[in-house]
Amino acid sequence: MPFASKQKAIYQGKESYVMHACGHDAHTAMLLGAAKVLAANKDKIAGTVVFVFQPAEEGGADIDNFTHGDQIGSRKMIADGALNNPKPEVIFGMHVMAGMPSGNIFYKDGAILNSADHLRIQVNGSQVHGSMPWAGKDPIYASAQMVTNLQSLISRKADLTKGMGVVSIGSIQGGTTGNVIPDQVNMVGTIRSNSEDVRQGILKDLPKMLEHNAAANDVKVKVEIAPYAPVTTNDKTLTELMRPTLVSVHGEDKLHVLDNNASASEDFAYYGQLMPSLFVFVGATPADQDPAKAAPNHNPNFIVDDATLKTGVESHVRFILDYPKVAEQVQANWKQKNKG
């Protein structure tokens, strides 16, 4: 593509081509477009608008999410006072999605995106030759058990009537040769759920399970869990009352209610803990392309249809113009839900 980046930069200590194929550049363009339109029509706005241009939603180039996760994304914006003066009473956000046709909006009330927590596990044993494992302490064997046993946190511990949960290990590093049992194994994974109750249960039980597993295998384990985002939840009242606004962007046939929440996560969730929020997905795949064959977000071939930008700009603008009509009811329900 003519706009493909050819630049390199240092990310997490390594030189990489610069690309974040998730659509955040489109989000920035859409919000800038909405800001331009609204600034030119200030006389039509019943209130004050705060435009939140948030960097590092999924981590910083030189920040360890396990030790400095509060220095990225929405948590950093909130801590730095971006929402203090003026203090918004409601917030609206969106995300472009491959595999959904452009010009279409997808949404639901309640949970729309999973929570996410980073998981890092270090298992320490005692190095020994593979021919005599009894003379050492095997962190690989213990780690294999841990990966398997972690799944029981969902299948046997979580109350799945409240929602779902996933614990996935995406990286295992241990040893350098086939005939030597190493002294250390490192694993990295992710924890996801669409229920705060299920999430908190996993976070509480996971370290204890791994410590007991380590004790059973006579090894040591260090468990680190770093929160990334709670469940992204759309305020039910706000979502219901803003439906006509979403319809007005492109019509009833282009507005779709999701059957289930998406499995990915979004730190927009922290804003939704402070005020009523509405987060929607905007289709980004051209109408003449098979959605099933579109490269997904976070793929090197991911692309956003230019027509998507109009949908995003108009959605922002109409939300701002229409929200004041329902503000009193939204705020009353929010206060009632959060009283005390």
C-alpha atoms as a PDB file:
ATOM      1  CA  MET A   1       0.000   0.000   0.000  1.00  0.00           C
ATOM      2  CA  PRO A   2       1.306   3.521  -0.716  1.00  0.00           C
ATOM      3  CA  PHE A   3       0.882   4.526   2.927  1.00  0.00           C
ATOM      4  CA  ALA A   4       2.594   1.459   4.407  1.00  0.00           C
ATOM      5  CA  SER A   5       5.194   2.389   6.999  1.00  0.00           C
ATOM      6  CA  LYS A   6       8.831   1.848   6.110  1.00  0.00           C
ATOM      7  CA  GLN A   7      10.112   3.182   9.414  1.00  0.00           C
ATOM      8  CA  LYS A   8      11.843   1.221  12.149  1.00  0.00           C
ATOM      9  CA  ALA A   9      11.942   1.960  15.864  1.00  0.00           C
ATOM     10  CA  ILE A  10      12.875   0.361  19.159  1.00  0.00           C
ATOM     11  CA  TYR A  11      10.022  -1.535  20.775  1.00  0.00           C
ATOM     12  CA  GLN A  12      10.585  -3.335  24.088  1.00  0.00           C
ATOM     13  CA  GLY A  13      14.335  -3.121  23.482  1.00  0.00           C
ATOM     14  CA  LYS A  14      14.281  -4.543  19.945  1.00  0.00           C
ATOM     15  CA  GLU A  15      14.302  -2.886  16.530  1.00  0.00           C
ATOM     16  CA  SER A  16      10.998  -3.416  14.708  1.00  0.00           C
ATOM     17  CA  TYR A  17       9.100  -2.030  11.760  1.00  0.00           C
ATOM     18  CA  VAL A  18       6.634   0.546  13.021  1.00  0.00           C
ATOM     19  CA  MET A  19       3.051  -0.624  12.573  1.00  0.00           C
ATOM     20  CA  HIS A  20       0.102  -1.117  14.861  1.00  0.00           C
ATOM     21  CA  ALA A  21      -2.486  -2.789  12.681  1.00  0.00           C
ATOM     22  CA  CYS A  22      -5.520  -2.243  14.863  1.00  0.00           C
ATOM     23  CA  GLY A  23      -7.105   0.860  13.388  1.00  0.00           C
ATOM     24  CA  HIS A  24      -6.099   3.399  16.016  1.00  0.00           C
ATOM     25  CA  ASP A  25      -4.877   5.716  13.276  1.00  0.00           C
ATOM     26  CA  ALA A  26      -8.405   5.617  11.840  1.00  0.00           C
ATOM     27  CA  HIS A  27      -9.834   6.347  15.295  1.00  0.00           C
ATOM     28  CA  THR A  28      -7.631   9.409  15.595  1.00  0.00           C
ATOM     29  CA  ALA A  29      -8.625  10.606  12.120  1.00  0.00           C
ATOM     30  CA  MET A  30     -12.325  10.139  12.875  1.00  0.00           C
ATOM     31  CA  LEU A  31     -12.139  12.019  16.162  1.00  0.00           C
ATOM     32  CA  LEU A  32     -10.185  14.836  14.515  1.00  0.00           C
ATOM     33  CA  GLY A  33     -12.846  14.996  11.812  1.00  0.00           C
ATOM     34  CA  ALA A  34     -15.605  15.151  14.411  1.00  0.00           C
ATOM     35  CA  ALA A  35     -13.735  17.860  16.329  1.00  0.00           C
ATOM     36  CA  LYS A  36     -13.477  19.941  13.169  1.00  0.00           C
ATOM     37  CA  VAL A  37     -17.194  19.578  12.381  1.00  0.00           C
ATOM     38  CA  LEU A  38     -18.316  20.298  15.937  1.00  0.00           C
ATOM     39  CA  ALA A  39     -15.975  23.265  16.342  1.00  0.00           C
ATOM     40  CA  ALA A  40     -17.567  24.799  13.267  1.00  0.00           C
ATOM     41  CA  ASN A  41     -21.035  24.268  14.756  1.00  0.00           C
ATOM     42  CA  LYS A  42     -20.561  25.309  18.376  1.00  0.00           C
ATOM     43  CA  ASP A  43     -23.894  27.095  18.377  1.00  0.00           C
ATOM     44  CA  LYS A  44     -25.698  23.758  17.945  1.00  0.00           C
ATOM     45  CA  ILE A  45     -24.037  22.072  20.943  1.00  0.00           C
ATOM     46  CA  ALA A  46     -25.840  22.098  24.306  1.00  0.00           C
ATOM     47  CA  GLY A  47     -22.815  21.623  26.514  1.00  0.00           C
ATOM     48  CA  THR A  48     -19.038  21.164  26.462  1.00  0.00           C
ATOM     49  CA  VAL A  49     -17.259  18.433  24.506  1.00  0.00           C
ATOM     50  CA  VAL A  50     -14.035  16.758  25.632  1.00  0.00           C
ATOM     51  CA  PHE A  51     -12.098  14.953  22.869  1.00  0.00           C
ATOM     52  CA  VAL A  52      -9.987  12.161  24.350  1.00  0.00           C
ATOM     53  CA  PHE A  53      -6.912  11.441  22.223  1.00  0.00           C
ATOM     54  CA  GLN A  54      -5.404   8.588  24.183  1.00  0.00           C
ATOM     55  CA  PRO A  55      -1.941   7.170  23.485  1.00  0.00           C
ATOM     56  CA  ALA A  56      -0.578   3.720  24.312  1.00  0.00           C
ATOM     57  CA  GLU A  57      -3.872   1.847  24.656  1.00  0.00           C
ATOM     58  CA  GLU A  58      -2.100  -1.489  24.346  1.00  0.00           C
ATOM     59  CA  GLY A  59       1.214  -0.590  25.951  1.00  0.00           C
ATOM     60  CA  GLY A  60       4.133   1.761  25.518  1.00  0.00           C
ATOM     61  CA  ALA A  61       7.275   1.140  23.492  1.00  0.00           C
ATOM     62  CA  ASP A  62       9.473   1.365  26.585  1.00  0.00           C
ATOM     63  CA  ILE A  63       7.036   0.472  29.376  1.00  0.00           C
ATOM     64  CA  ASP A  64       6.765  -2.895  31.134  1.00  0.00           C
ATOM     65  CA  ASN A  65       3.053  -3.547  31.489  1.00  0.00           C
ATOM     66  CA  PHE A  66       3.684  -5.726  34.535  1.00  0.00           C
ATOM     67  CA  THR A  67       5.439  -3.040  36.545  1.00  0.00           C
ATOM     68  CA  HIS A  68       4.139   0.212  35.045  1.00  0.00           C
ATOM     69  CA  GLY A  69       0.755  -0.663  33.567  1.00  0.00           C
ATOM     70  CA  ASP A  70      -0.748   2.408  35.202  1.00  0.00           C
ATOM     71  CA  GLN A  71       1.455   4.565  32.957  1.00  0.00           C
ATOM     72  CA  ILE A  72      -0.353   3.679  29.732  1.00  0.00           C
ATOM     73  CA  GLY A  73      -3.684   4.311  28.060  1.00  0.00           C
ATOM     74  CA  SER A  74      -6.838   5.360  29.859  1.00  0.00           C
ATOM     75  CA  ARG A  75      -5.430   4.845  33.351  1.00  0.00           C
ATOM     76  CA  LYS A  76      -2.693   7.370  32.613  1.00  0.00           C
ATOM     77  CA  MET A  77      -5.184   9.784  31.038  1.00  0.00           C
ATOM     78  CA  ILE A  78      -7.405   9.590  34.117  1.00  0.00           C
ATOM     79  CA  ALA A  79      -4.484   9.919  36.549  1.00  0.00           C
ATOM     80  CA  ASP A  80      -3.152  12.933  34.663  1.00  0.00           C
ATOM     81  CA  GLY A  81      -6.497  14.713  34.974  1.00  0.00           C
ATOM     82  CA  ALA A  82      -7.683  14.571  31.364  1.00  0.00           C
ATOM     83  CA  LEU A  83     -11.264  14.216  32.604  1.00  0.00           C
ATOM     84  CA  ASN A  84     -11.098  16.648  35.530  1.00  0.00           C
ATOM     85  CA  ASN A  85     -11.794  20.064  34.031  1.00  0.00           C
ATOM     86  CA  PRO A  86     -14.305  20.000  32.545  1.00  0.00           C
ATOM     87  CA  LYS A  87     -15.558  16.731  34.000  1.00  0.00           C
ATOM     88  CA  PRO A  88     -17.619  14.774  31.436  1.00  0.00           C
ATOM     89  CA  GLU A  89     -20.873  13.148  32.503  1.00  0.00           C
ATOM     90  CA  VAL A  90     -20.962  10.592  29.669  1.00  0.00           C
ATOM     91  CA  ILE A  91     -18.502   9.101  27.168  1.00  0.00           C
ATOM     92  CA  PHE A  92     -18.774   7.570  23.701  1.00  0.00           C
ATOM     93  CA  GLY A  93     -16.159   5.475  21.878  1.00  0.00           C
ATOM     94  CA  MET A  94     -15.777   3.188  18.895  1.00  0.00           C
ATOM     95  CA  HIS A  95     -13.417   0.694  17.293  1.00  0.00           C
ATOM     96  CA  VAL A  96     -13.071  -0.240  13.626  1.00  0.00           C
ATOM     97  CA  MET A  97     -13.374  -3.967  12.962  1.00  0.00           C
ATOM     98  CA  ALA A  98     -12.267  -6.057  10.012  1.00  0.00           C
ATOM     99  CA  GLY A  99     -14.736  -8.717   8.914  1.00  0.00           C
ATOM    100  CA  MET A 100     -17.634  -6.348   9.511  1.00  0.00           C
ATOM    101  CA  PRO A 101     -18.911  -4.453   6.421  1.00  0.00           C
ATOM    102  CA  SER A 102     -18.126  -0.746   6.299  1.00  0.00           C
ATOM    103  CA  GLY A 103     -21.042   1.604   6.879  1.00  0.00           C
ATOM    104  CA  ASN A 104     -22.428  -0.758   9.528  1.00  0.00           C
ATOM    105  CA  ILE A 105     -22.440  -0.333  13.302  1.00  0.00           C
ATOM    106  CA  PHE A 106     -22.462  -3.230  15.772  1.00  0.00           C
ATOM    107  CA  TYR A 107     -23.298  -2.870  19.463  1.00  0.00           C
ATOM    108  CA  LYS A 108     -25.007  -4.348  22.530  1.00  0.00           C
ATOM    109  CA  ASP A 109     -25.805  -3.195  26.036  1.00  0.00           C
ATOM    110  CA  GLY A 110     -24.008  -4.652  29.040  1.00  0.00           C
ATOM    111  CA  ALA A 111     -20.677  -6.431  28.522  1.00  0.00           C
ATOM    112  CA  ILE A 112     -19.338  -5.801  25.015  1.00  0.00           C
ATOM    113  CA  LEU A 113     -15.649  -6.681  25.506  1.00  0.00           C
ATOM    114  CA  ASN A 114     -13.846  -9.019  27.888  1.00  0.00           C
ATOM    115  CA  SER A 115     -11.604  -8.028  30.747  1.00  0.00           C
ATOM    116  CA  ALA A 116      -7.882  -8.691  30.312  1.00  0.00           C
ATOM    117  CA  ASP A 117      -5.068  -9.371  32.758  1.00  0.00           C
ATOM    118  CA  HIS A 118      -1.455 -10.158  31.904  1.00  0.00           C
ATOM    119  CA  LEU A 119       0.078 -13.283  33.432  1.00  0.00           C
ATOM    120  CA  ARG A 120       3.778 -14.005  33.932  1.00  0.00           C
ATOM    121  CA  ILE A 121       5.048 -17.207  35.576  1.00  0.00           C
ATOM    122  CA  GLN A 122       8.614 -18.154  36.469  1.00  0.00           C
ATOM    123  CA  VAL A 123       9.283 -21.745  37.570  1.00  0.00           C
ATOM    124  CA  ASN A 124      12.655 -22.436  39.188  1.00  0.00           C
ATOM    125  CA  GLY A 125      14.071 -25.923  39.604  1.00  0.00           C
ATOM    126  CA  SER A 126      17.539 -27.443  39.589  1.00  0.00           C
ATOM    127  CA  GLN A 127      19.424 -28.193  36.369  1.00  0.00           C
ATOM    128  CA  VAL A 128      20.370 -31.802  35.722  1.00  0.00           C
ATOM    129  CA  HIS A 129      21.172 -34.092  32.808  1.00  0.00           C
ATOM    130  CA  GLY A 130      18.090 -35.544  31.149  1.00  0.00           C
ATOM    131  CA  SER A 131      19.283 -39.071  31.801  1.00  0.00           C
ATOM    132  CA  MET A 132      18.999 -38.645  35.584  1.00  0.00           C
ATOM    133  CA  PRO A 133      16.002 -36.438  36.414  1.00  0.00           C
ATOM    134  CA  TRP A 134      15.869 -37.756  39.995  1.00  0.00           C
ATOM    135  CA  ALA A 135      19.058 -35.809  40.746  1.00  0.00           C
ATOM    136  CA  GLY A 136      17.493 -32.428  39.955  1.00  0.00           C
ATOM    137  CA  LYS A 137      14.203 -30.579  40.100  1.00  0.00           C
ATOM    138  CA  ASP A 138      12.360 -30.429  36.802  1.00  0.00           C
ATOM    139  CA  PRO A 139      10.651 -27.069  36.046  1.00  0.00           C
ATOM    140  CA  ILE A 140       9.540 -28.242  32.603  1.00  0.00           C
ATOM    141  CA  TYR A 141       7.503 -31.149  33.968  1.00  0.00           C
ATOM    142  CA  ALA A 142       6.035 -28.860  36.632  1.00  0.00           C
ATOM    143  CA  SER A 143       5.243 -26.193  34.027  1.00  0.00           C
ATOM    144  CA  ALA A 144       3.452 -28.734  31.835  1.00  0.00           C
ATOM    145  CA  GLN A 145       1.222 -29.628  34.774  1.00  0.00           C
ATOM    146  CA  MET A 146       0.605 -25.955  35.499  1.00  0.00           C
ATOM    147  CA  VAL A 147      -0.547 -25.221  31.946  1.00  0.00           C
ATOM    148  CA  THR A 148      -2.985 -28.126  32.158  1.00  0.00           C
ATOM    149  CA  ASN A 149      -4.187 -27.407  35.676  1.00  0.00           C
ATOM    150  CA  LEU A 150      -4.843 -23.744  34.907  1.00  0.00           C
ATOM    151  CA  GLN A 151      -7.748 -24.836  32.723  1.00  0.00           C
ATOM    152  CA  SER A 152      -9.536 -26.235  35.759  1.00  0.00           C
ATOM    153  CA  LEU A 153      -9.880 -22.685  37.073  1.00  0.00           C
ATOM    154  CA  ILE A 154     -12.566 -22.336  34.410  1.00  0.00           C
ATOM    155  CA  SER A 155     -13.988 -25.851  34.128  1.00  0.00           C
ATOM    156  CA  ARG A 156     -14.141 -26.589  37.868  1.00  0.00           C
ATOM    157  CA  LYS A 157     -13.826 -23.337  39.828  1.00  0.00           C
ATOM    158  CA  ALA A 158     -15.625 -20.598  37.890  1.00  0.00           C
ATOM    159  CA  ASP A 159     -19.384 -20.142  38.211  1.00  0.00           C
ATOM    160  CA  LEU A 160     -20.131 -20.208  34.498  1.00  0.00           C
ATOM    161  CA  THR A 161     -23.734 -19.145  35.058  1.00  0.00           C
ATOM    162  CA  LYS A 162     -22.257 -15.663  35.603  1.00  0.00           C
ATOM    163  CA  GLY A 163     -20.157 -15.597  32.438  1.00  0.00           C
ATOM    164  CA  MET A 164     -17.123 -17.122  30.760  1.00  0.00           C
ATOM    165  CA  GLY A 165     -13.390 -17.111  31.379  1.00  0.00           C
ATOM    166  CA  VAL A 166     -10.214 -18.001  29.509  1.00  0.00           C
ATOM    167  CA  VAL A 167      -6.660 -18.562  30.719  1.00  0.00           C
ATOM    168  CA  SER A 168      -4.208 -18.902  27.828  1.00  0.00           C
ATOM    169  CA  ILE A 169      -0.448 -19.393  27.919  1.00  0.00           C
ATOM    170  CA  GLY A 170       1.039 -17.888  24.762  1.00  0.00           C
ATOM    171  CA  SER A 171       4.765 -18.192  25.452  1.00  0.00           C
ATOM    172  CA  ILE A 172       6.928 -20.856  27.108  1.00  0.00           C
ATOM    173  CA  GLN A 173      10.691 -20.451  27.301  1.00  0.00           C
ATOM    174  CA  GLY A 174      12.921 -23.046  28.954  1.00  0.00           C
ATOM    175  CA  GLY A 175      16.128 -24.883  28.213  1.00  0.00           C
ATOM    176  CA  THR A 176      18.559 -24.786  25.292  1.00  0.00           C
ATOM    177  CA  THR A 177      19.124 -28.427  24.430  1.00  0.00           C
ATOM    178  CA  GLY A 178      17.202 -31.675  24.431  1.00  0.00           C
ATOM    179  CA  ASN A 179      19.260 -33.683  26.934  1.00  0.00           C
ATOM    180  CA  VAL A 180      19.501 -31.202  29.801  1.00  0.00           C
ATOM    181  CA  ILE A 181      16.683 -30.343  32.177  1.00  0.00           C
ATOM    182  CA  PRO A 182      17.024 -26.564  32.755  1.00  0.00           C
ATOM    183  CA  ASP A 183      16.850 -24.731  36.043  1.00  0.00           C
ATOM    184  CA  GLN A 184      14.183 -22.277  34.912  1.00  0.00           C
ATOM    185  CA  VAL A 185      11.059 -22.000  32.735  1.00  0.00           C
ATOM    186  CA  ASN A 186       9.289 -18.724  31.954  1.00  0.00           C
ATOM    187  CA  MET A 187       5.705 -18.513  30.740  1.00  0.00           C
ATOM    188  CA  VAL A 188       3.578 -15.567  29.671  1.00  0.00           C
ATOM    189  CA  GLY A 189      -0.175 -15.637  29.216  1.00  0.00           C
ATOM    190  CA  THR A 190      -3.459 -13.785  29.354  1.00  0.00           C
ATOM    191  CA  ILE A 191      -6.622 -14.000  31.476  1.00  0.00           C
ATOM    192  CA  ARG A 192      -9.976 -12.952  29.975  1.00  0.00           C
ATOM    193  CA  SER A 193     -13.579 -12.877  31.161  1.00  0.00           C
ATOM    194  CA  ASN A 194     -16.888 -11.151  30.493  1.00  0.00           C
ATOM    195  CA  SER A 195     -17.861 -11.288  34.171  1.00  0.00           C
ATOM    196  CA  GLU A 196     -16.186  -9.356  36.948  1.00  0.00           C
ATOM    197  CA  ASP A 197     -17.140 -12.091  39.431  1.00  0.00           C
ATOM    198  CA  VAL A 198     -15.534 -14.793  37.276  1.00  0.00           C
ATOM    199  CA  ARG A 199     -12.485 -12.572  36.695  1.00  0.00           C
ATOM    200  CA  GLN A 200     -11.934 -11.923  40.388  1.00  0.00           C
ATOM    201  CA  GLY A 201     -12.291 -15.627  41.179  1.00  0.00           C
ATOM    202  CA  ILE A 202      -9.576 -16.508  38.655  1.00  0.00           C
ATOM    203  CA  LEU A 203      -7.264 -13.780  39.953  1.00  0.00           C
ATOM    204  CA  LYS A 204      -7.704 -15.028  43.522  1.00  0.00           C
ATOM    205  CA  ASP A 205      -7.335 -18.757  42.857  1.00  0.00           C
ATOM    206  CA  LEU A 206      -4.632 -18.799  40.166  1.00  0.00           C
ATOM    207  CA  PRO A 207      -1.551 -17.957  42.310  1.00  0.00           C
ATOM    208  CA  LYS A 208      -2.603 -20.435  45.005  1.00  0.00           C
ATOM    209  CA  MET A 209      -3.052 -23.212  42.453  1.00  0.00           C
ATOM    210  CA  LEU A 210       0.384 -22.651  40.928  1.00  0.00           C
ATOM    211  CA  GLU A 211       2.071 -22.467  44.336  1.00  0.00           C
ATOM    212  CA  HIS A 212       0.539 -25.797  45.336  1.00  0.00           C
ATOM    213  CA  ASN A 213       1.535 -27.302  41.994  1.00  0.00           C
ATOM    214  CA  ALA A 214       5.096 -26.097  42.505  1.00  0.00           C
ATOM    215  CA  ALA A 215       5.194 -27.564  46.004  1.00  0.00           C
ATOM    216  CA  ALA A 216       3.991 -30.922  44.702  1.00  0.00           C
ATOM    217  CA  ASN A 217       6.897 -30.972  42.225  1.00  0.00           C
ATOM    218  CA  ASP A 218       9.511 -29.595  44.649  1.00  0.00           C
ATOM    219  CA  VAL A 219      10.138 -26.442  42.561  1.00  0.00           C
ATOM    220  CA  LYS A 220       9.590 -22.752  43.211  1.00  0.00           C
ATOM    221  CA  VAL A 221       7.176 -20.504  41.321  1.00  0.00           C
ATOM    222  CA  LYS A 222       6.846 -16.737  40.978  1.00  0.00           C
ATOM    223  CA  VAL A 223       3.478 -15.506  39.710  1.00  0.00           C
ATOM    224  CA  GLU A 224       2.889 -11.967  38.452  1.00  0.00           C
ATOM    225  CA  ILE A 225      -0.535 -10.718  37.395  1.00  0.00           C
ATOM    226  CA  ALA A 226      -0.849  -7.248  35.885  1.00  0.00           C
ATOM    227  CA  PRO A 227      -4.324  -5.803  35.262  1.00  0.00           C
ATOM    228  CA  TYR A 228      -4.934  -4.360  31.816  1.00  0.00           C
ATOM    229  CA  ALA A 229      -8.676  -3.711  31.655  1.00  0.00           C
ATOM    230  CA  PRO A 230     -11.940  -4.601  33.384  1.00  0.00           C
ATOM    231  CA  VAL A 231     -14.947  -5.780  31.386  1.00  0.00           C
ATOM    232  CA  THR A 232     -15.992  -3.058  28.917  1.00  0.00           C
ATOM    233  CA  THR A 233     -19.651  -2.493  29.751  1.00  0.00           C
ATOM    234  CA  ASN A 234     -22.187  -0.316  27.945  1.00  0.00           C
ATOM    235  CA  ASP A 235     -24.638   1.510  30.163  1.00  0.00           C
ATOM    236  CA  LYS A 236     -28.043  -0.047  29.473  1.00  0.00           C
ATOM    237  CA  THR A 237     -30.045   3.187  29.636  1.00  0.00           C
ATOM    238  CA  LEU A 238     -27.601   5.178  27.515  1.00  0.00           C
ATOM    239  CA  THR A 239     -27.415   2.402  24.921  1.00  0.00           C
ATOM    240  CA  GLU A 240     -31.185   2.112  24.653  1.00  0.00           C
ATOM    241  CA  LEU A 241     -31.793   5.854  24.410  1.00  0.00           C
ATOM    242  CA  MET A 242     -29.023   6.430  21.859  1.00  0.00           C
ATOM    243  CA  ARG A 243     -30.238   3.688  19.526  1.00  0.00           C
ATOM    244  CA  PRO A 244     -32.249   6.164  17.368  1.00  0.00           C
ATOM    245  CA  THR A 245     -29.069   8.212  17.006  1.00  0.00           C
ATOM    246  CA  LEU A 246     -27.116   5.191  15.788  1.00  0.00           C
ATOM    247  CA  VAL A 247     -29.942   4.386  13.359  1.00  0.00           C
ATOM    248  CA  SER A 248     -29.769   7.915  11.976  1.00  0.00           C
ATOM    249  CA  VAL A 249     -26.144   7.477  10.913  1.00  0.00           C
ATOM    250  CA  HIS A 250     -26.838   4.920   8.165  1.00  0.00           C
ATOM    251  CA  GLY A 251     -30.293   3.433   8.708  1.00  0.00           C
ATOM    252  CA  GLU A 252     -31.938   0.596  10.606  1.00  0.00           C
ATOM    253  CA  ASP A 253     -30.576  -2.069   8.261  1.00  0.00           C
ATOM    254  CA  LYS A 254     -26.997  -0.996   9.009  1.00  0.00           C
ATOM    255  CA  LEU A 255     -27.359  -1.205  12.790  1.00  0.00           C
ATOM    256  CA  HIS A 256     -26.798  -4.629  14.341  1.00  0.00           C
ATOM    257  CA  VAL A 257     -27.199  -5.917  17.885  1.00  0.00           C
ATOM    258  CA  LEU A 258     -24.473  -8.422  18.807  1.00  0.00           C
ATOM    259  CA  ASP A 259     -25.542 -11.752  20.246  1.00  0.00           C
ATOM    260  CA  ASN A 260     -22.447 -11.968  22.423  1.00  0.00           C
ATOM    261  CA  ASN A 261     -19.668  -9.737  23.631  1.00  0.00           C
ATOM    262  CA  ALA A 262     -16.384  -9.729  21.700  1.00  0.00           C
ATOM    263  CA  SER A 263     -13.501 -11.733  23.158  1.00  0.00           C
ATOM    264  CA  ALA A 264     -10.935  -8.942  22.870  1.00  0.00           C
ATOM    265  CA  SER A 265     -10.432  -6.237  25.499  1.00  0.00           C
ATOM    266  CA  GLU A 266     -10.282  -2.456  25.642  1.00  0.00           C
ATOM    267  CA  ASP A 267      -9.081  -0.093  28.354  1.00  0.00           C
ATOM    268  CA  PHE A 268     -12.000   2.204  27.489  1.00  0.00           C
ATOM    269  CA  ALA A 269     -13.536   0.128  30.308  1.00  0.00           C
ATOM    270  CA  TYR A 270     -11.900   2.396  32.898  1.00  0.00           C
ATOM    271  CA  TYR A 271     -13.843   5.388  31.590  1.00  0.00           C
ATOM    272  CA  GLY A 272     -17.036   3.368  31.902  1.00  0.00           C
ATOM    273  CA  GLN A 273     -16.365   2.929  35.610  1.00  0.00           C
ATOM    274  CA  LEU A 274     -16.518   6.714  36.050  1.00  0.00           C
ATOM    275  CA  MET A 275     -19.583   7.585  33.957  1.00  0.00           C
ATOM    276  CA  PRO A 276     -22.208   6.073  31.652  1.00  0.00           C
ATOM    277  CA  SER A 277     -20.443   4.850  28.526  1.00  0.00           C
ATOM    278  CA  LEU A 278     -21.320   3.566  25.087  1.00  0.00           C
ATOM    279  CA  PHE A 279     -18.763   1.723  22.946  1.00  0.00           C
ATOM    280  CA  VAL A 280     -19.576   0.447  19.447  1.00  0.00           C
ATOM    281  CA  PHE A 281     -17.852  -1.376  16.604  1.00  0.00           C
ATOM    282  CA  VAL A 282     -17.676   0.192  13.168  1.00  0.00           C
ATOM    283  CA  GLY A 283     -17.360  -2.115  10.161  1.00  0.00           C
ATOM    284  CA  ALA A 284     -14.141  -1.536   8.208  1.00  0.00           C
ATOM    285  CA  THR A 285     -14.299  -4.066   5.347  1.00  0.00           C
ATOM    286  CA  PRO A 286     -15.429  -2.846   1.877  1.00  0.00           C
ATOM    287  CA  ALA A 287     -18.817  -4.068   0.681  1.00  0.00           C
ATOM    288  CA  ASP A 288     -17.289  -5.843  -2.338  1.00  0.00           C
ATOM    289  CA  GLN A 289     -14.935  -7.912  -0.203  1.00  0.00           C
ATOM    290  CA  ASP A 290     -15.806 -11.227   1.465  1.00  0.00           C
ATOM    291  CA  PRO A 291     -15.806 -10.409   5.215  1.00  0.00           C
ATOM    292  CA  ALA A 292     -14.700 -13.958   6.003  1.00  0.00           C
ATOM    293  CA  LYS A 293     -11.512 -13.426   3.978  1.00  0.00           C
ATOM    294  CA  ALA A 294     -10.658  -9.977   5.352  1.00  0.00           C
ATOM    295  CA  ALA A 295      -7.396  -9.841   7.288  1.00  0.00           C
ATOM    296  CA  PRO A 296      -8.341  -9.380  10.954  1.00  0.00           C
ATOM    297  CA  ASN A 297      -7.202  -6.580  13.229  1.00  0.00           C
ATOM    298  CA  HIS A 298      -3.607  -7.096  14.388  1.00  0.00           C
ATOM    299  CA  ASN A 299      -2.694  -8.789  11.119  1.00  0.00           C
ATOM    300  CA  PRO A 300       0.027  -7.289   8.847  1.00  0.00           C
ATOM    301  CA  ASN A 301      -2.501  -7.217   5.986  1.00  0.00           C
ATOM    302  CA  PHE A 302      -5.236  -5.458   8.007  1.00  0.00           C
ATOM    303  CA  ILE A 303      -6.782  -2.537   6.125  1.00  0.00           C
ATOM    304  CA  VAL A 304      -9.533  -0.001   6.880  1.00  0.00           C
ATOM    305  CA  ASP A 305     -11.973   0.978   4.142  1.00  0.00           C
ATOM    306  CA  ASP A 306     -11.837   4.766   3.715  1.00  0.00           C
ATOM    307  CA  ALA A 307     -15.652   4.858   3.797  1.00  0.00           C
ATOM    308  CA  THR A 308     -15.425   3.834   7.445  1.00  0.00           C
ATOM    309  CA  LEU A 309     -14.063   7.273   8.338  1.00  0.00           C
ATOM    310  CA  LYS A 310     -17.351   8.945   7.403  1.00  0.00           C
ATOM    311  CA  THR A 311     -19.313   6.511   9.559  1.00  0.00           C
ATOM    312  CA  GLY A 312     -17.061   7.235  12.508  1.00  0.00           C
ATOM    313  CA  VAL A 313     -17.130  11.025  12.165  1.00  0.00           C
ATOM    314  CA  GLU A 314     -20.912  11.107  11.786  1.00  0.00           C
ATOM    315  CA  SER A 315     -21.400   8.759  14.754  1.00  0.00           C
ATOM    316  CA  HIS A 316     -19.342  11.048  17.005  1.00  0.00           C
ATOM    317  CA  VAL A 317     -21.135  14.181  15.818  1.00  0.00           C
ATOM    318  CA  ARG A 318     -24.656  12.789  16.136  1.00  0.00           C
ATOM    319  CA  PHE A 319     -23.936  11.407  19.603  1.00  0.00           C
ATOM    320  CA  ILE A 320     -22.821  14.840  20.795  1.00  0.00           C
ATOM    321  CA  LEU A 321     -25.810  16.618  19.250  1.00  0.00           C
ATOM    322  CA  ASP A 322     -28.395  14.096  20.483  1.00  0.00           C
ATOM    323  CA  TYR A 323     -27.162  13.147  23.957  1.00  0.00           C
ATOM    324  CA  PRO A 324     -28.478  16.316  25.690  1.00  0.00           C
ATOM    325  CA  LYS A 325     -32.027  15.210  24.773  1.00  0.00           C
ATOM    326  CA  VAL A 326     -31.684  12.105  26.971  1.00  0.00           C
ATOM    327  CA  ALA A 327     -29.108  13.346  29.490  1.00  0.00           C
ATOM    328  CA  GLU A 328     -31.515  13.783  32.398  1.00  0.00           C
ATOM    329  CA  GLN A 329     -32.789  10.199  32.228  1.00  0.00           C
ATOM    330  CA  VAL A 330     -29.322   8.710  31.708  1.00  0.00           C
ATOM    331  CA  GLN A 331     -27.875  10.575  34.683  1.00  0.00           C
ATOM    332  CA  ALA A 332     -30.828   9.761  36.941  1.00  0.00           C
ATOM    333  CA  ASN A 333     -30.506   6.030  36.216  1.00  0.00           C
ATOM    334  CA  TRP A 334     -26.717   6.149  36.677  1.00  0.00           C
ATOM    335  CA  LYS A 335     -27.053   7.810  40.079  1.00  0.00           C
ATOM    336  CA  GLN A 336     -29.709   5.326  41.136  1.00  0.00           C
ATOM    337  CA  LYS A 337     -27.523   2.392  40.085  1.00  0.00           C
ATOM    338  CA  ASN A 338     -24.448   3.743  41.854  1.00  0.00           C
ATOM    339  CA  LYS A 339     -25.985   5.291  44.951  1.00  0.00           C
ATOM    340  CA  GLY A 340     -24.109   4.620  48.165  1.00  0.00           C
END
